[in-house]
Amino acid sequence: MGAALPLGDPAPLDGRLPDDVRARPETDFSVYLHVPFCRVRCGYCDFNTYTSDELRGARQDQYADTLLDEVALARGILSEAGALRPAATVFFGGGTPTLLPPGDLGRMLDGVRDAFGLAPGAEITVEANPDTVTDAAAAELAEAGVTRMSIGMQSAVPHVLAVLDRTHDPRNVDTAVAAARAAGLEVSLDLIYGAPGESLDDWRRSLETVLALEPDHVSAYALIIEEGTKLARRIRRGEVAAPDEDVQADMYELADALLDAAGFDWYEVSNWSRGPAHRSRHNLAYWRGSDWWGFGPGAHSHIDGLRFWNVKHPAAYAQRLHAGQSPAAGRERPDAEARRLEDVLLRSRIRDGLPVSELLGEGRHAIAALIADGLVEGPAALRGRVVLTLRGRLLADAVVRALTP
């Protein structure tokens, strides 16, 4: 049911922001809408999600109305702080947002539109399990204003899906893509690599299946074993082998090679698109340190350097809002040094990178040492297409990309 919430200061029950928090005109505002429901818990997942028997005091059919109460509360809070802006991106994540009726998702989007407005050309994404996407559902989402569907494919190989406890029929990926296309939606396919028992040939098969479907965008994430998950327990008991980091590095390099050859443009450690117009602007908002409000149980927000997060369980979330209180459980404001380090970590994930001149002397020397040790491949190091492959020690999602001078 998700990792523990971070430590921080208590958040006020009215949710009011500190007096010095204000809008930053140079940054976009994004909205994340968390839908914490799943039919089955995947063995690798530690997200804040709940199956029907774990809800205890919360109802899925009332969730949209509850979340809209938080939207109304946030509008008042941001308006008072002078930080009210139209949303440049909206992202329905989970969990499985498409377990809710499309009408509920549409009402939630209408609530965001009414409360904040949507910027011209706003990107509106819905994550989807392939088994939940029908022609009718995709059409209704498009009619509501959704522009993009992110389909959780994970793998095209049945035994890989089985070890991940993914229950969708891999054949339904094709029908989900077709439904999204027919509705006029952009399509992203999401993959996970490095599962126990997954070979390089298995991974190639998944990549080739993706390329045959001709999506606009591909995400490929290295499997990370999180403590407390079913998969972590299986590995500890010796039932399956732990992921091999060197094999994962090979898989990453294969993905980059095949996607590049097919015309996909790498722009973030784990993401490729068919050109800049198809990049996930919502995810880039996180890497660039923009402002966003996360709605739903366990969701995190960031406004002008202030971070805050909601209570985790849907029942506690609903109880707070029904009592007229903010669902925020805690908050923090990192100091200048912490913000600087975070900025380096986030911006070094994306193709734009950051100027080496912005690093302190120690950081500049560390980059030079990586080049000298041969951990940076190619003479174009620090010019945007460099891969740092640390064999035997997987860093981030198998690589760290591109610090541009």
Protein backbone atom coordinates (compact mmCIF):
# COMPACT_ATOMS: atom_id res chain seq x y z
CA MET A 1 0.00 0.00 0.00
CA GLY A 2 2.86 2.34 -0.66
CA ALA A 3 5.97 3.46 1.11
CA ALA A 4 5.72 5.43 4.34
CA LEU A 5 5.06 9.14 4.10
CA PRO A 6 8.14 11.34 4.57
CA LEU A 7 8.91 13.07 7.83
CA GLY A 8 8.08 16.76 7.97
CA ASP A 9 6.25 19.46 9.84
CA PRO A 10 2.53 19.03 10.53
CA ALA A 11 0.33 20.68 7.94
CA PRO A 12 -2.41 23.06 9.18
CA LEU A 13 -5.92 21.64 9.10
CA ASP A 14 -7.09 24.46 6.83
CA GLY A 15 -4.25 23.74 4.37
CA ARG A 16 -3.23 27.39 4.26
CA LEU A 17 0.17 28.02 2.67
CA PRO A 18 2.87 30.09 4.40
CA ASP A 19 2.57 33.81 3.78
CA ASP A 20 5.73 33.94 1.66
CA VAL A 21 4.57 31.26 -0.82
CA ARG A 22 3.62 32.91 -4.10
CA ALA A 23 3.16 32.06 -7.76
CA ARG A 24 6.29 31.91 -9.88
CA PRO A 25 5.39 33.53 -13.21
CA GLU A 26 8.25 31.77 -14.99
CA THR A 27 6.98 28.28 -14.12
CA ASP A 28 3.97 26.28 -15.27
CA PHE A 29 1.36 24.84 -12.93
CA SER A 30 0.47 21.17 -13.25
CA VAL A 31 -2.19 18.95 -11.67
CA TYR A 32 -1.82 15.31 -10.68
CA LEU A 33 -5.01 13.33 -9.92
CA HIS A 34 -4.32 10.09 -8.05
CA VAL A 35 -6.77 7.21 -8.48
CA PRO A 36 -5.63 4.63 -5.90
CA PHE A 37 -7.62 1.59 -7.04
CA CYS A 38 -6.37 -1.67 -8.56
CA ARG A 39 -8.07 -4.99 -9.23
CA VAL A 40 -4.91 -6.89 -8.25
CA ARG A 41 -1.73 -5.71 -6.53
CA CYS A 42 1.27 -6.31 -8.76
CA GLY A 43 4.09 -8.07 -6.94
CA TYR A 44 6.67 -5.33 -7.59
CA CYS A 45 4.46 -2.33 -6.80
CA ASP A 46 4.84 -0.17 -3.69
CA PHE A 47 2.63 2.69 -4.92
CA ASN A 48 -0.18 3.94 -2.70
CA THR A 49 -2.87 1.71 -4.21
CA TYR A 50 -5.68 -0.45 -2.83
CA THR A 51 -7.69 -3.45 -3.97
CA SER A 52 -11.38 -3.66 -3.08
CA ASP A 53 -10.77 -5.65 0.11
CA GLU A 54 -8.27 -3.05 1.37
CA LEU A 55 -10.50 0.02 1.15
CA ARG A 56 -12.10 -0.35 4.61
CA GLY A 57 -14.31 2.70 5.02
CA ALA A 58 -13.88 4.21 1.54
CA ARG A 59 -16.02 3.71 -1.54
CA GLN A 60 -14.76 3.71 -5.09
CA ASP A 61 -18.08 5.01 -6.43
CA GLN A 62 -17.80 8.12 -4.21
CA TYR A 63 -14.18 8.86 -4.99
CA ALA A 64 -14.67 11.46 -7.73
CA ASP A 65 -16.89 13.60 -5.49
CA THR A 66 -14.41 13.36 -2.62
CA LEU A 67 -11.48 14.41 -4.81
CA LEU A 68 -13.50 17.34 -6.16
CA ASP A 69 -13.82 18.57 -2.57
CA GLU A 70 -10.02 18.80 -2.45
CA VAL A 71 -9.99 20.63 -5.79
CA ALA A 72 -12.37 23.24 -4.38
CA LEU A 73 -10.25 23.55 -1.23
CA ALA A 74 -7.06 23.98 -3.30
CA ARG A 75 -8.62 26.73 -5.39
CA GLY A 76 -9.33 28.77 -2.28
CA ILE A 77 -5.85 28.15 -0.85
CA LEU A 78 -4.03 29.06 -4.06
CA SER A 79 -6.23 32.08 -4.66
CA GLU A 80 -5.47 33.41 -1.18
CA ALA A 81 -1.74 32.90 -1.81
CA GLY A 82 -1.85 34.65 -5.17
CA ALA A 83 -0.70 31.42 -6.79
CA LEU A 84 -3.78 30.59 -8.87
CA ARG A 85 -2.85 29.75 -12.49
CA PRO A 86 -4.29 27.67 -15.34
CA ALA A 87 -3.06 24.08 -15.46
CA ALA A 88 -0.58 23.43 -18.27
CA THR A 89 -0.78 19.66 -17.74
CA VAL A 90 -3.15 17.27 -15.97
CA PHE A 91 -2.20 13.66 -15.25
CA PHE A 92 -4.53 10.91 -14.01
CA GLY A 93 -2.25 8.34 -12.35
CA GLY A 94 -2.63 5.40 -10.07
CA GLY A 95 -3.43 2.74 -9.39
CA THR A 96 -5.63 2.24 -12.41
CA PRO A 97 -7.58 5.42 -13.28
CA THR A 98 -9.58 3.56 -15.92
CA LEU A 99 -11.17 1.38 -13.23
CA LEU A 100 -13.38 4.42 -12.64
CA PRO A 101 -16.12 5.11 -15.19
CA PRO A 102 -14.99 7.56 -17.88
CA GLY A 103 -17.73 9.89 -16.67
CA ASP A 104 -16.10 10.11 -13.23
CA LEU A 105 -12.74 10.98 -14.79
CA GLY A 106 -14.48 13.55 -16.95
CA ARG A 107 -16.13 15.16 -13.92
CA MET A 108 -12.79 15.34 -12.16
CA LEU A 109 -11.26 17.05 -15.19
CA ASP A 110 -14.22 19.45 -15.35
CA GLY A 111 -13.58 20.31 -11.71
CA VAL A 112 -9.95 21.14 -12.47
CA ARG A 113 -11.02 23.20 -15.48
CA ASP A 114 -13.58 25.13 -13.43
CA ALA A 115 -11.25 25.70 -10.48
CA PHE A 116 -8.02 26.66 -12.24
CA GLY A 117 -8.66 26.82 -15.95
CA LEU A 118 -6.64 24.95 -18.53
CA ALA A 119 -3.82 26.63 -20.44
CA PRO A 120 -4.16 26.67 -24.24
CA GLY A 121 -3.02 23.32 -25.61
CA ALA A 122 -2.97 21.73 -22.15
CA GLU A 123 -1.73 18.13 -22.06
CA ILE A 124 -4.25 15.82 -20.37
CA THR A 125 -3.02 12.25 -19.76
CA VAL A 126 -4.81 9.17 -18.40
CA GLU A 127 -2.89 6.06 -17.36
CA ALA A 128 -4.68 2.87 -18.40
CA ASN A 129 -4.52 -0.88 -17.95
CA PRO A 130 -4.92 -2.51 -21.40
CA ASP A 131 -7.83 -4.65 -20.19
CA THR A 132 -9.87 -1.56 -19.25
CA VAL A 133 -9.69 0.33 -22.56
CA THR A 134 -12.64 0.02 -24.93
CA ASP A 135 -13.59 2.04 -27.98
CA ALA A 136 -16.45 3.62 -26.03
CA ALA A 137 -14.30 4.47 -22.99
CA ALA A 138 -11.54 6.03 -25.11
CA ALA A 139 -14.08 8.09 -27.07
CA GLU A 140 -15.73 9.34 -23.88
CA LEU A 141 -12.37 10.34 -22.39
CA ALA A 142 -11.45 12.23 -25.56
CA GLU A 143 -14.82 13.99 -25.51
CA ALA A 144 -14.12 15.06 -21.91
CA GLY A 145 -10.86 16.70 -22.98
CA VAL A 146 -8.24 13.98 -22.48
CA THR A 147 -5.47 14.27 -25.10
CA ARG A 148 -3.15 11.39 -24.26
CA MET A 149 -3.32 7.79 -22.98
CA SER A 150 -0.41 6.08 -21.20
CA ILE A 151 -0.95 2.31 -21.50
CA GLY A 152 0.70 -0.01 -18.97
CA MET A 153 2.04 -2.70 -21.28
CA GLN A 154 5.14 -3.60 -19.16
CA SER A 155 6.08 -6.59 -21.38
CA ALA A 156 4.91 -8.56 -24.39
CA VAL A 157 6.18 -11.85 -22.92
CA PRO A 158 3.70 -13.91 -20.83
CA HIS A 159 6.24 -15.37 -18.40
CA VAL A 160 7.61 -11.87 -17.66
CA LEU A 161 4.11 -10.55 -17.00
CA ALA A 162 3.50 -13.54 -14.72
CA VAL A 163 6.53 -12.89 -12.52
CA LEU A 164 5.42 -9.25 -12.23
CA ASP A 165 1.87 -10.39 -11.32
CA ARG A 166 0.47 -8.43 -14.24
CA THR A 167 -2.88 -9.98 -15.10
CA HIS A 168 -3.75 -8.21 -18.35
CA ASP A 169 -3.97 -10.13 -21.60
CA PRO A 170 -1.00 -8.97 -23.71
CA ARG A 171 -3.20 -9.13 -26.82
CA ASN A 172 -5.32 -6.34 -25.34
CA VAL A 173 -2.45 -3.88 -25.75
CA ASP A 174 -3.17 -3.91 -29.49
CA THR A 175 -6.88 -3.24 -28.98
CA ALA A 176 -6.20 -0.51 -26.40
CA VAL A 177 -3.83 1.28 -28.77
CA ALA A 178 -6.37 0.99 -31.59
CA ALA A 179 -9.14 2.37 -29.36
CA ALA A 180 -7.01 5.32 -28.27
CA ARG A 181 -6.00 6.05 -31.86
CA ALA A 182 -9.62 5.89 -33.06
CA ALA A 183 -10.53 8.46 -30.41
CA GLY A 184 -7.76 10.80 -31.56
CA LEU A 185 -5.57 10.36 -28.48
CA GLU A 186 -1.79 10.33 -28.42
CA VAL A 187 -0.43 7.00 -27.20
CA SER A 188 2.40 6.23 -24.79
CA LEU A 189 3.42 2.63 -24.02
CA ASP A 190 5.03 1.92 -20.65
CA LEU A 191 7.55 -0.90 -20.17
CA ILE A 192 9.49 -2.46 -17.29
CA TYR A 193 12.74 -4.34 -17.89
CA GLY A 194 14.97 -6.58 -15.81
CA ALA A 195 12.31 -8.82 -14.23
CA PRO A 196 13.53 -12.11 -12.74
CA GLY A 197 13.92 -14.62 -15.56
CA GLU A 198 13.66 -12.03 -18.33
CA SER A 199 16.31 -12.57 -21.00
CA LEU A 200 17.74 -10.05 -23.44
CA ASP A 201 15.79 -11.85 -26.20
CA ASP A 202 12.57 -11.46 -24.15
CA TRP A 203 13.25 -7.75 -23.85
CA ARG A 204 13.97 -7.44 -27.57
CA ARG A 205 10.62 -9.12 -28.26
CA SER A 206 8.82 -6.53 -26.10
CA LEU A 207 10.60 -3.65 -27.81
CA GLU A 208 9.84 -5.00 -31.27
CA THR A 209 6.18 -5.41 -30.29
CA VAL A 210 6.11 -1.78 -29.14
CA LEU A 211 7.66 -0.54 -32.37
CA ALA A 212 5.10 -2.49 -34.42
CA LEU A 213 2.33 -0.61 -32.58
CA GLU A 214 3.84 2.75 -33.59
CA PRO A 215 3.16 4.75 -30.38
CA ASP A 216 4.02 8.43 -30.01
CA HIS A 217 5.98 7.88 -26.81
CA VAL A 218 7.71 5.06 -24.93
CA SER A 219 8.68 4.84 -21.26
CA ALA A 220 11.06 2.07 -20.17
CA TYR A 221 11.88 1.70 -16.48
CA ALA A 222 14.36 -0.65 -14.84
CA LEU A 223 12.67 -2.88 -12.29
CA ILE A 224 13.58 -1.79 -8.75
CA ILE A 225 12.89 -4.21 -5.93
CA GLU A 226 11.12 -2.27 -3.18
CA GLU A 227 11.13 -3.54 0.39
CA GLY A 228 7.75 -4.73 1.61
CA THR A 229 6.55 -5.91 -1.80
CA LYS A 230 5.58 -9.47 -2.68
CA LEU A 231 8.42 -9.68 -5.18
CA ALA A 232 10.98 -8.64 -2.56
CA ARG A 233 9.74 -11.43 -0.30
CA ARG A 234 9.95 -13.98 -3.13
CA ILE A 235 13.54 -12.96 -3.84
CA ARG A 236 14.44 -13.14 -0.16
CA ARG A 237 13.03 -16.68 0.01
CA GLY A 238 15.03 -17.69 -3.06
CA GLU A 239 11.96 -18.39 -5.20
CA VAL A 240 13.17 -16.09 -7.98
CA ALA A 241 16.51 -14.44 -8.67
CA ALA A 242 17.18 -10.78 -8.02
CA PRO A 243 17.54 -8.59 -11.12
CA ASP A 244 21.04 -8.55 -12.59
CA GLU A 245 22.16 -4.93 -12.90
CA ASP A 246 24.57 -5.64 -15.74
CA VAL A 247 21.79 -7.33 -17.71
CA GLN A 248 19.54 -4.36 -17.01
CA ALA A 249 22.25 -2.06 -18.38
CA ASP A 250 22.39 -4.19 -21.55
CA MET A 251 18.61 -3.95 -21.79
CA TYR A 252 18.71 -0.18 -21.49
CA GLU A 253 21.30 0.11 -24.23
CA LEU A 254 19.27 -2.20 -26.48
CA ALA A 255 16.16 -0.08 -25.91
CA ASP A 256 18.04 3.10 -26.74
CA ALA A 257 19.52 1.58 -29.91
CA LEU A 258 16.24 0.15 -31.24
CA LEU A 259 14.17 3.20 -30.38
CA ASP A 260 16.73 5.57 -31.86
CA ALA A 261 16.86 3.53 -35.07
CA ALA A 262 13.06 3.70 -35.26
CA GLY A 263 13.08 7.50 -35.08
CA PHE A 264 12.39 8.00 -31.38
CA ASP A 265 14.08 10.91 -29.67
CA TRP A 266 15.56 10.28 -26.20
CA TYR A 267 14.75 13.18 -23.84
CA GLU A 268 14.82 11.81 -20.26
CA VAL A 269 16.58 8.86 -18.62
CA SER A 270 13.65 6.50 -19.17
CA ASN A 271 11.62 8.23 -21.89
CA TRP A 272 11.64 8.50 -25.69
CA SER A 273 9.22 10.28 -28.04
CA ARG A 274 8.64 10.83 -31.73
CA GLY A 275 10.03 14.34 -31.52
CA PRO A 276 9.65 17.19 -29.02
CA ALA A 277 5.91 17.61 -29.63
CA HIS A 278 5.23 14.17 -28.15
CA ARG A 279 7.31 14.46 -24.98
CA SER A 280 5.44 14.10 -21.69
CA ARG A 281 5.21 17.73 -20.59
CA HIS A 282 3.77 16.64 -17.26
CA ASN A 283 6.79 14.52 -16.36
CA LEU A 284 9.14 17.26 -17.55
CA ALA A 285 7.41 19.62 -15.11
CA TYR A 286 8.67 17.42 -12.27
CA TRP A 287 12.24 17.26 -13.57
CA ARG A 288 12.33 21.03 -14.11
CA GLY A 289 11.00 21.86 -10.65
CA SER A 290 7.72 23.46 -11.73
CA ASP A 291 4.74 23.88 -9.41
CA TRP A 292 2.10 21.18 -9.13
CA TRP A 293 -0.74 20.12 -6.86
CA GLY A 294 -1.28 16.42 -6.32
CA PHE A 295 -4.87 15.46 -5.48
CA GLY A 296 -5.85 12.21 -3.81
CA PRO A 297 -4.65 10.00 -0.96
CA GLY A 298 -0.88 10.02 -0.55
CA ALA A 299 -0.42 12.57 -3.36
CA HIS A 300 2.46 15.06 -3.15
CA SER A 301 2.48 18.72 -4.13
CA HIS A 302 5.10 21.41 -4.75
CA ILE A 303 4.34 25.13 -4.70
CA ASP A 304 7.17 27.71 -4.69
CA GLY A 305 9.61 25.36 -2.96
CA LEU A 306 7.07 24.14 -0.37
CA ARG A 307 6.39 20.39 -0.48
CA PHE A 308 3.35 18.80 1.15
CA TRP A 309 1.66 15.43 1.03
CA ASN A 310 -1.73 13.95 1.81
CA VAL A 311 -2.76 11.24 4.24
CA LYS A 312 -2.39 7.82 2.63
CA HIS A 313 -5.56 5.81 3.06
CA PRO A 314 -8.66 6.70 1.00
CA ALA A 315 -10.85 6.48 4.14
CA ALA A 316 -8.69 8.96 6.09
CA TYR A 317 -8.56 11.19 3.00
CA ALA A 318 -12.35 11.20 2.70
CA GLN A 319 -12.86 11.79 6.43
CA ARG A 320 -10.66 14.89 6.38
CA LEU A 321 -12.43 16.42 3.41
CA HIS A 322 -15.92 15.57 4.63
CA ALA A 323 -15.03 17.41 7.85
CA GLY A 324 -14.01 20.47 5.84
CA GLN A 325 -10.31 19.92 6.58
CA SER A 326 -7.28 19.72 4.36
CA PRO A 327 -6.09 16.15 3.69
CA ALA A 328 -2.45 17.30 3.93
CA ALA A 329 -0.53 15.21 6.50
CA GLY A 330 2.77 17.09 6.50
CA ARG A 331 5.01 19.49 4.67
CA GLU A 332 8.58 20.71 4.38
CA ARG A 333 10.60 23.49 2.79
CA PRO A 334 14.11 22.31 1.89
CA ASP A 335 16.95 24.72 2.51
CA ALA A 336 19.04 26.26 -0.27
CA GLU A 337 21.68 23.49 -0.26
CA ALA A 338 19.05 20.74 -0.45
CA ARG A 339 17.29 22.55 -3.30
CA ARG A 340 20.57 22.94 -5.19
CA LEU A 341 21.35 19.23 -4.90
CA GLU A 342 17.82 18.29 -5.93
CA ASP A 343 18.03 20.61 -8.93
CA VAL A 344 21.23 18.87 -10.11
CA LEU A 345 19.72 15.40 -9.63
CA LEU A 346 16.50 16.26 -11.46
CA ARG A 347 17.90 18.29 -14.34
CA SER A 348 20.66 15.77 -15.03
CA ARG A 349 17.92 13.25 -15.91
CA ILE A 350 16.76 15.21 -18.94
CA ARG A 351 18.34 15.88 -22.29
CA ASP A 352 18.50 19.63 -21.66
CA GLY A 353 20.73 18.87 -18.67
CA LEU A 354 22.29 21.79 -16.86
CA PRO A 355 25.47 23.78 -17.41
CA VAL A 356 28.52 22.21 -15.82
CA SER A 357 29.31 25.74 -14.65
CA GLU A 358 26.37 25.43 -12.25
CA LEU A 359 28.09 22.58 -10.43
CA LEU A 360 30.39 23.30 -7.54
CA GLY A 361 34.06 22.55 -8.06
CA GLU A 362 33.74 19.10 -6.52
CA GLY A 363 30.98 18.20 -8.94
CA ARG A 364 32.93 19.44 -11.97
CA HIS A 365 35.93 17.36 -10.88
CA ALA A 366 33.70 14.28 -10.43
CA ILE A 367 32.37 14.60 -13.99
CA ALA A 368 35.92 14.95 -15.33
CA ALA A 369 36.93 11.82 -13.38
CA LEU A 370 34.07 9.81 -14.93
CA ILE A 371 35.27 10.81 -18.38
CA ALA A 372 38.87 9.91 -17.51
CA ASP A 373 37.80 6.51 -16.16
CA GLY A 374 35.96 5.69 -19.37
CA LEU A 375 32.53 5.66 -17.74
CA VAL A 376 31.36 8.24 -20.24
CA GLU A 377 31.03 6.70 -23.67
CA GLY A 378 32.18 8.71 -26.65
CA PRO A 379 33.92 12.03 -27.21
CA ALA A 380 30.63 13.94 -27.23
CA ALA A 381 30.51 13.69 -23.45
CA LEU A 382 28.44 16.43 -21.83
CA ARG A 383 26.82 17.42 -25.11
CA GLY A 384 23.43 15.79 -24.69
CA ARG A 385 23.77 12.26 -26.11
CA VAL A 386 26.10 10.71 -23.56
CA VAL A 387 25.34 7.57 -21.58
CA LEU A 388 27.03 6.91 -18.25
CA THR A 389 26.79 3.14 -17.88
CA LEU A 390 28.14 2.10 -14.49
CA ARG A 391 28.67 -1.64 -14.83
CA GLY A 392 27.87 -3.57 -11.66
CA ARG A 393 26.33 -0.48 -10.10
CA LEU A 394 23.12 0.60 -11.74
CA LEU A 395 22.61 4.31 -11.23
CA ALA A 396 19.07 5.63 -11.46
CA ASP A 397 17.34 3.72 -14.31
CA ALA A 398 20.54 2.10 -15.62
CA VAL A 399 22.14 5.36 -16.76
CA VAL A 400 22.72 8.97 -15.97
CA ARG A 401 22.33 11.15 -19.03
CA ALA A 402 23.68 14.37 -20.37
CA LEU A 403 25.12 17.28 -18.45
CA THR A 404 25.40 19.90 -21.18
CA PRO A 405 28.07 22.60 -21.00
